[in-house]
C-alpha atoms as a PDB file:
ATOM      1  CA  UNK A   1      24.026  10.462 -11.352  1.00  0.00           C
ATOM      2  CA  UNK A   2      21.228  10.963 -13.875  1.00  0.00           C
ATOM      3  CA  UNK A   3      21.128   7.226 -14.520  1.00  0.00           C
ATOM      4  CA  UNK A   4      20.728   6.592 -10.783  1.00  0.00           C
ATOM      5  CA  UNK A   5      17.849   9.060 -10.501  1.00  0.00           C
ATOM      6  CA  UNK A   6      16.068   7.599 -13.531  1.00  0.00           C
ATOM      7  CA  UNK A   7      16.308   4.025 -12.234  1.00  0.00           C
ATOM      8  CA  UNK A   8      15.229   4.923  -8.689  1.00  0.00           C
ATOM      9  CA  UNK A   9      12.177   6.851  -9.887  1.00  0.00           C
ATOM     10  CA  UNK A  10      11.349   4.137 -12.417  1.00  0.00           C
ATOM     11  CA  UNK A  11      11.298   1.508  -9.668  1.00  0.00           C
ATOM     12  CA  UNK A  12       9.259   3.815  -7.439  1.00  0.00           C
ATOM     13  CA  UNK A  13       6.578   4.530 -10.048  1.00  0.00           C
ATOM     14  CA  UNK A  14       6.376   1.008 -11.453  1.00  0.00           C
ATOM     15  CA  UNK A  15       6.225  -0.420  -7.929  1.00  0.00           C
ATOM     16  CA  UNK A  16       3.257   1.764  -7.027  1.00  0.00           C
ATOM     17  CA  UNK A  17       1.502   0.691 -10.214  1.00  0.00           C
ATOM     18  CA  UNK A  18       2.066  -2.988  -9.381  1.00  0.00           C
ATOM     19  CA  UNK A  19       0.971  -2.456  -5.774  1.00  0.00           C
ATOM     20  CA  UNK A  20      -2.236  -0.794  -6.978  1.00  0.00           C
ATOM     21  CA  UNK A  21      -2.870  -3.671  -9.385  1.00  0.00           C
ATOM     22  CA  UNK A  22      -2.580  -6.109  -6.471  1.00  0.00           C
ATOM     23  CA  UNK A  23      -4.979  -4.031  -4.365  1.00  0.00           C
ATOM     24  CA  UNK A  24      -7.527  -3.984  -7.193  1.00  0.00           C
ATOM     25  CA  UNK A  25      -7.162  -7.739  -7.646  1.00  0.00           C
ATOM     26  CA  UNK A  26      -8.007  -8.337  -3.992  1.00  0.00           C
ATOM     27  CA  UNK A  27     -10.957  -5.929  -4.265  1.00  0.00           C
ATOM     28  CA  UNK A  28     -12.266  -8.012  -7.181  1.00  0.00           C
ATOM     29  CA  UNK A  29     -12.085 -11.013  -4.835  1.00  0.00           C
ATOM     30  CA  UNK A  30     -13.688  -9.189  -1.930  1.00  0.00           C
ATOM     31  CA  UNK A  31     -16.059 -12.026  -1.004  1.00  0.00           C
ATOM     32  CA  UNK A  32     -13.056 -13.309   0.944  1.00  0.00           C
ATOM     33  CA  UNK A  33     -12.478  -9.887   2.534  1.00  0.00           C
ATOM     34  CA  UNK A  34      -9.839  -7.293   1.665  1.00  0.00           C
ATOM     35  CA  UNK A  35      -6.931  -5.466   3.301  1.00  0.00           C
ATOM     36  CA  UNK A  36      -7.701  -3.362   6.413  1.00  0.00           C
ATOM     37  CA  UNK A  37      -7.211   0.045   4.754  1.00  0.00           C
ATOM     38  CA  UNK A  38      -9.171  -1.081   1.706  1.00  0.00           C
ATOM     39  CA  UNK A  39     -12.029  -2.160   3.981  1.00  0.00           C
ATOM     40  CA  UNK A  40     -12.223   1.484   5.061  1.00  0.00           C
ATOM     41  CA  UNK A  41     -12.007   2.844   1.516  1.00  0.00           C
ATOM     42  CA  UNK A  42     -14.682   0.462   0.202  1.00  0.00           C
ATOM     43  CA  UNK A  43     -16.922   1.201   3.184  1.00  0.00           C
ATOM     44  CA  UNK A  44     -16.671   4.950   2.582  1.00  0.00           C
ATOM     45  CA  UNK A  45     -17.332   4.397  -1.128  1.00  0.00           C
ATOM     46  CA  UNK A  46     -20.483   2.391  -0.389  1.00  0.00           C
ATOM     47  CA  UNK A  47     -21.840   5.061   1.952  1.00  0.00           C
ATOM     48  CA  UNK A  48     -20.775   8.331   0.356  1.00  0.00           C
ATOM     49  CA  UNK A  49     -20.084   7.615  -3.302  1.00  0.00           C
ATOM     50  CA  UNK A  50     -17.035   8.973  -5.161  1.00  0.00           C
ATOM     51  CA  UNK A  51     -14.614   6.116  -5.974  1.00  0.00           C
ATOM     52  CA  UNK A  52     -12.488   3.710  -3.953  1.00  0.00           C
ATOM     53  CA  UNK A  53      -9.337   5.355  -5.297  1.00  0.00           C
ATOM     54  CA  UNK A  54     -10.628   8.815  -4.385  1.00  0.00           C
ATOM     55  CA  UNK A  55     -11.202   7.699  -0.799  1.00  0.00           C
ATOM     56  CA  UNK A  56      -7.685   6.265  -0.751  1.00  0.00           C
ATOM     57  CA  UNK A  57      -6.391   9.702  -1.773  1.00  0.00           C
ATOM     58  CA  UNK A  58      -8.558  11.585   0.730  1.00  0.00           C
ATOM     59  CA  UNK A  59      -7.615   9.372   3.684  1.00  0.00           C
ATOM     60  CA  UNK A  60      -3.974   9.605   2.614  1.00  0.00           C
ATOM     61  CA  UNK A  61      -4.206  13.401   2.485  1.00  0.00           C
ATOM     62  CA  UNK A  62      -5.755  13.500   5.961  1.00  0.00           C
ATOM     63  CA  UNK A  63      -2.957  11.317   7.310  1.00  0.00           C
ATOM     64  CA  UNK A  64      -0.225  13.375   5.626  1.00  0.00           C
ATOM     65  CA  UNK A  65      -1.556  16.650   7.038  1.00  0.00           C
ATOM     66  CA  UNK A  66      -2.000  15.176  10.516  1.00  0.00           C
ATOM     67  CA  UNK A  67       1.463  13.605  10.484  1.00  0.00           C
ATOM     68  CA  UNK A  68       3.053  16.843   9.250  1.00  0.00           C
ATOM     69  CA  UNK A  69       1.402  18.802  12.073  1.00  0.00           C
ATOM     70  CA  UNK A  70       2.496  16.248  14.675  1.00  0.00           C
ATOM     71  CA  UNK A  71       6.108  16.039  13.476  1.00  0.00           C
ATOM     72  CA  UNK A  72       6.422  19.635  12.241  1.00  0.00           C
ATOM     73  CA  UNK A  73       8.136  18.224   9.173  1.00  0.00           C
ATOM     74  CA  UNK A  74       7.061  18.522   5.565  1.00  0.00           C
ATOM     75  CA  UNK A  75       6.767  15.063   3.939  1.00  0.00           C
ATOM     76  CA  UNK A  76       9.015  14.052   1.058  1.00  0.00           C
ATOM     77  CA  UNK A  77       7.717  14.573  -2.461  1.00  0.00           C
ATOM     78  CA  UNK A  78       7.510  10.793  -2.821  1.00  0.00           C
ATOM     79  CA  UNK A  79       4.871  10.632  -0.074  1.00  0.00           C
ATOM     80  CA  UNK A  80       2.612  13.047  -1.968  1.00  0.00           C
ATOM     81  CA  UNK A  81       3.112  11.188  -5.229  1.00  0.00           C
ATOM     82  CA  UNK A  82       2.359   7.910  -3.456  1.00  0.00           C
ATOM     83  CA  UNK A  83      -0.915   9.320  -2.126  1.00  0.00           C
ATOM     84  CA  UNK A  84      -2.087  10.502  -5.551  1.00  0.00           C
ATOM     85  CA  UNK A  85      -0.887   7.760  -7.869  1.00  0.00           C
ATOM     86  CA  UNK A  86      -1.958   4.734  -5.853  1.00  0.00           C
ATOM     87  CA  UNK A  87      -5.509   6.087  -5.630  1.00  0.00           C
ATOM     88  CA  UNK A  88      -5.552   6.858  -9.359  1.00  0.00           C
ATOM     89  CA  UNK A  89      -4.107   3.454 -10.287  1.00  0.00           C
ATOM     90  CA  UNK A  90      -6.628   1.647  -8.060  1.00  0.00           C
ATOM     91  CA  UNK A  91      -9.503   3.282  -9.933  1.00  0.00           C
ATOM     92  CA  UNK A  92      -7.864   2.519 -13.280  1.00  0.00           C
ATOM     93  CA  UNK A  93      -7.378  -1.184 -12.514  1.00  0.00           C
ATOM     94  CA  UNK A  94     -10.828  -1.494 -10.914  1.00  0.00           C
ATOM     95  CA  UNK A  95     -12.189  -0.277 -14.235  1.00  0.00           C
ATOM     96  CA  UNK A  96      -9.953  -2.501 -16.388  1.00  0.00           C
ATOM     97  CA  UNK A  97     -10.359  -5.770 -14.453  1.00  0.00           C
ATOM     98  CA  UNK A  98     -13.784  -7.340 -15.045  1.00  0.00           C
ATOM     99  CA  UNK A  99     -15.986  -8.322 -12.115  1.00  0.00           C
ATOM    100  CA  UNK A 100     -15.716 -11.975 -11.126  1.00  0.00           C
ATOM    101  CA  UNK A 101     -18.863 -13.735  -9.946  1.00  0.00           C
ATOM    102  CA  UNK A 102     -17.678 -17.243  -9.025  1.00  0.00           C
ATOM    103  CA  UNK A 103     -16.184 -17.965  -5.607  1.00  0.00           C
ATOM    104  CA  UNK A 104     -13.291 -19.930  -7.125  1.00  0.00           C
ATOM    105  CA  UNK A 105     -12.509 -17.100  -9.500  1.00  0.00           C
ATOM    106  CA  UNK A 106     -12.545 -14.558  -6.687  1.00  0.00           C
ATOM    107  CA  UNK A 107     -10.348 -16.805  -4.530  1.00  0.00           C
ATOM    108  CA  UNK A 108      -7.765 -17.150  -7.307  1.00  0.00           C
ATOM    109  CA  UNK A 109      -7.562 -13.450  -8.128  1.00  0.00           C
ATOM    110  CA  UNK A 110      -7.456 -12.614  -4.412  1.00  0.00           C
ATOM    111  CA  UNK A 111      -4.512 -14.924  -3.686  1.00  0.00           C
ATOM    112  CA  UNK A 112      -2.687 -13.679  -6.788  1.00  0.00           C
ATOM    113  CA  UNK A 113      -3.406 -10.109  -5.675  1.00  0.00           C
ATOM    114  CA  UNK A 114      -1.617 -10.641  -2.346  1.00  0.00           C
ATOM    115  CA  UNK A 115       1.505 -11.846  -4.172  1.00  0.00           C
ATOM    116  CA  UNK A 116       1.341  -8.939  -6.611  1.00  0.00           C
ATOM    117  CA  UNK A 117       1.020  -6.467  -3.730  1.00  0.00           C
ATOM    118  CA  UNK A 118       4.054  -8.016  -2.059  1.00  0.00           C
ATOM    119  CA  UNK A 119       6.201  -7.442  -5.114  1.00  0.00           C
ATOM    120  CA  UNK A 120       4.750  -3.979  -5.652  1.00  0.00           C
ATOM    121  CA  UNK A 121       5.743  -2.943  -2.134  1.00  0.00           C
ATOM    122  CA  UNK A 122       9.231  -4.386  -2.570  1.00  0.00           C
ATOM    123  CA  UNK A 123       9.765  -2.532  -5.843  1.00  0.00           C
ATOM    124  CA  UNK A 124       8.455   0.871  -4.713  1.00  0.00           C
ATOM    125  CA  UNK A 125      10.097   0.834  -1.271  1.00  0.00           C
ATOM    126  CA  UNK A 126      13.593  -0.220  -2.389  1.00  0.00           C
ATOM    127  CA  UNK A 127      14.557   3.160  -4.025  1.00  0.00           C
ATOM    128  CA  UNK A 128      13.961   4.904  -0.645  1.00  0.00           C
ATOM    129  CA  UNK A 129      12.215   7.906  -2.199  1.00  0.00           C
ATOM    130  CA  UNK A 130       9.450   8.327   0.355  1.00  0.00           C
ATOM    131  CA  UNK A 131       7.157   6.283   2.598  1.00  0.00           C
ATOM    132  CA  UNK A 132       3.442   6.186   1.887  1.00  0.00           C
ATOM    133  CA  UNK A 133       1.065   8.154   4.144  1.00  0.00           C
ATOM    134  CA  UNK A 134      -0.026   5.095   6.114  1.00  0.00           C
ATOM    135  CA  UNK A 135       3.542   3.934   6.719  1.00  0.00           C
ATOM    136  CA  UNK A 136       4.429   7.467   7.854  1.00  0.00           C
ATOM    137  CA  UNK A 137       1.568   7.359  10.363  1.00  0.00           C
ATOM    138  CA  UNK A 138       2.776   4.003  11.658  1.00  0.00           C
ATOM    139  CA  UNK A 139       6.330   5.302  12.094  1.00  0.00           C
ATOM    140  CA  UNK A 140       5.014   8.375  13.930  1.00  0.00           C
ATOM    141  CA  UNK A 141       3.193   6.208  16.489  1.00  0.00           C
ATOM    142  CA  UNK A 142       6.267   4.000  16.869  1.00  0.00           C
ATOM    143  CA  UNK A 143       8.365   7.080  17.606  1.00  0.00           C
ATOM    144  CA  UNK A 144       5.836   8.600  20.020  1.00  0.00           C
ATOM    145  CA  UNK A 145       5.024   5.421  21.965  1.00  0.00           C
ATOM    146  CA  UNK A 146       8.242   3.442  21.748  1.00  0.00           C
ATOM    147  CA  UNK A 147       6.248   0.338  20.812  1.00  0.00           C
ATOM    148  CA  UNK A 148       7.382  -2.080  18.109  1.00  0.00           C
ATOM    149  CA  UNK A 149       6.497  -1.638  14.447  1.00  0.00           C
ATOM    150  CA  UNK A 150       4.643  -4.951  14.495  1.00  0.00           C
ATOM    151  CA  UNK A 151       2.497  -3.932  17.482  1.00  0.00           C
ATOM    152  CA  UNK A 152       1.650  -0.474  16.134  1.00  0.00           C
ATOM    153  CA  UNK A 153       0.878  -1.814  12.656  1.00  0.00           C
ATOM    154  CA  UNK A 154      -1.418  -4.473  14.112  1.00  0.00           C
ATOM    155  CA  UNK A 155      -3.297  -1.959  16.283  1.00  0.00           C
ATOM    156  CA  UNK A 156      -3.668   0.475  13.378  1.00  0.00           C
ATOM    157  CA  UNK A 157      -4.925  -2.166  10.963  1.00  0.00           C
ATOM    158  CA  UNK A 158      -7.409  -3.627  13.450  1.00  0.00           C
ATOM    159  CA  UNK A 159      -8.745  -0.135  14.213  1.00  0.00           C
ATOM    160  CA  UNK A 160      -9.013   0.840  10.546  1.00  0.00           C
ATOM    161  CA  UNK A 161     -10.640  -2.466   9.592  1.00  0.00           C
ATOM    162  CA  UNK A 162     -13.198  -2.077  12.411  1.00  0.00           C
ATOM    163  CA  UNK A 163     -14.118   1.446  11.295  1.00  0.00           C
ATOM    164  CA  UNK A 164     -14.366   0.249   7.696  1.00  0.00           C
ATOM    165  CA  UNK A 165     -16.578  -2.659   8.782  1.00  0.00           C
ATOM    166  CA  UNK A 166     -18.920  -0.213  10.537  1.00  0.00           C
ATOM    167  CA  UNK A 167     -19.272   1.576   7.196  1.00  0.00           C
ATOM    168  CA  UNK A 168     -20.045  -1.717   5.457  1.00  0.00           C
ATOM    169  CA  UNK A 169     -16.605  -2.628   4.143  1.00  0.00           C
ATOM    170  CA  UNK A 170     -16.006  -6.349   3.433  1.00  0.00           C
ATOM    171  CA  UNK A 171     -14.106  -8.175   6.189  1.00  0.00           C
ATOM    172  CA  UNK A 172     -13.361 -11.878   5.908  1.00  0.00           C
ATOM    173  CA  UNK A 173     -10.663 -14.504   6.027  1.00  0.00           C
ATOM    174  CA  UNK A 174      -8.873 -12.595   3.264  1.00  0.00           C
ATOM    175  CA  UNK A 175      -8.401  -9.639   5.598  1.00  0.00           C
ATOM    176  CA  UNK A 176      -6.547 -11.925   7.997  1.00  0.00           C
ATOM    177  CA  UNK A 177      -4.522 -13.479   5.156  1.00  0.00           C
ATOM    178  CA  UNK A 178      -3.321 -10.067   3.996  1.00  0.00           C
ATOM    179  CA  UNK A 179      -2.447  -9.023   7.550  1.00  0.00           C
ATOM    180  CA  UNK A 180      -0.503 -12.257   8.115  1.00  0.00           C
ATOM    181  CA  UNK A 181       1.235 -12.842   4.799  1.00  0.00           C
ATOM    182  CA  UNK A 182       1.775  -9.521   3.012  1.00  0.00           C
ATOM    183  CA  UNK A 183       4.582  -8.519   5.361  1.00  0.00           C
ATOM    184  CA  UNK A 184       6.144 -11.955   4.998  1.00  0.00           C
ATOM    185  CA  UNK A 185       6.180 -11.638   1.210  1.00  0.00           C
ATOM    186  CA  UNK A 186       7.739  -8.163   1.413  1.00  0.00           C
ATOM    187  CA  UNK A 187      10.403  -9.609   3.718  1.00  0.00           C
ATOM    188  CA  UNK A 188      11.677 -11.540   0.678  1.00  0.00           C
ATOM    189  CA  UNK A 189      10.779  -9.200  -2.188  1.00  0.00           C
ATOM    190  CA  UNK A 190      12.394  -6.065  -0.747  1.00  0.00           C
ATOM    191  CA  UNK A 191      15.971  -7.423  -0.609  1.00  0.00           C
ATOM    192  CA  UNK A 192      15.473  -9.014  -4.042  1.00  0.00           C
ATOM    193  CA  UNK A 193      14.413  -5.701  -5.538  1.00  0.00           C
ATOM    194  CA  UNK A 194      17.228  -3.818  -3.794  1.00  0.00           C
ATOM    195  CA  UNK A 195      19.735  -6.275  -5.239  1.00  0.00           C
ATOM    196  CA  UNK A 196      18.404  -5.757  -8.772  1.00  0.00           C
ATOM    197  CA  UNK A 197      18.339  -1.970  -8.378  1.00  0.00           C
ATOM    198  CA  UNK A 198      21.911  -1.933  -7.050  1.00  0.00           C
ATOM    199  CA  UNK A 199      23.082  -3.815 -10.127  1.00  0.00           C
ATOM    200  CA  UNK A 200      21.471  -1.140 -12.293  1.00  0.00           C
ATOM    201  CA  UNK A 201      22.746   1.937 -10.432  1.00  0.00           C
ATOM    202  CA  UNK A 202      26.054   0.575  -9.144  1.00  0.00           C
ATOM    203  CA  UNK A 203      27.128  -0.770  -5.755  1.00  0.00           C
ATOM    204  CA  UNK A 204      28.701   2.602  -4.876  1.00  0.00           C
ATOM    205  CA  UNK A 205      25.193   4.095  -4.573  1.00  0.00           C
ATOM    206  CA  UNK A 206      24.047   1.583  -1.932  1.00  0.00           C
ATOM    207  CA  UNK A 207      23.761   4.341   0.705  1.00  0.00           C
ATOM    208  CA  UNK A 208      20.873   5.882  -1.265  1.00  0.00           C
ATOM    209  CA  UNK A 209      18.678   2.819  -0.664  1.00  0.00           C
ATOM    210  CA  UNK A 210      18.871   2.805   3.147  1.00  0.00           C
END
């Protein structure tokens, strides 16, 4: 049992670190645009200071509180950890990765960042420890409206990207690329990561991952 817990939490924490690395990589290539939520975080950073990671934490906290009030359910501990660590890791990697000035360099790190994000999501989601704040918000709207996940996610991301653009966040072809391809990458990485984790914790614990 202890082995199972250790492996699940290891995947969860490492996955969030990898996801944050991918987000920072796309931010370093922001001349192409960045992900919808990151457009908002960068826009708030440009207008009000603090850091991009801090705004990620603050928007996540706002979403968690609002979702908890709407559902009258306290989020899992993993949701809180997700909110804090991803914001902290984003700031860490933004500091570690040097700025890139050439368009080709930004294009390369941006494309690589999408792939890294895809694997990060697959790794951190597969242990089933807790959805991130933004995914929790999406699921709440799906439950309340009866609409599909794809439709709600699209509406949310368009709305968030528009608000971020108003604040000066960078929107471009990269924003569309992330919206179109990140989910497709996760479609393949999630089952891969679940398969690896099951080998480590034992097939008898499969119920814990769904």
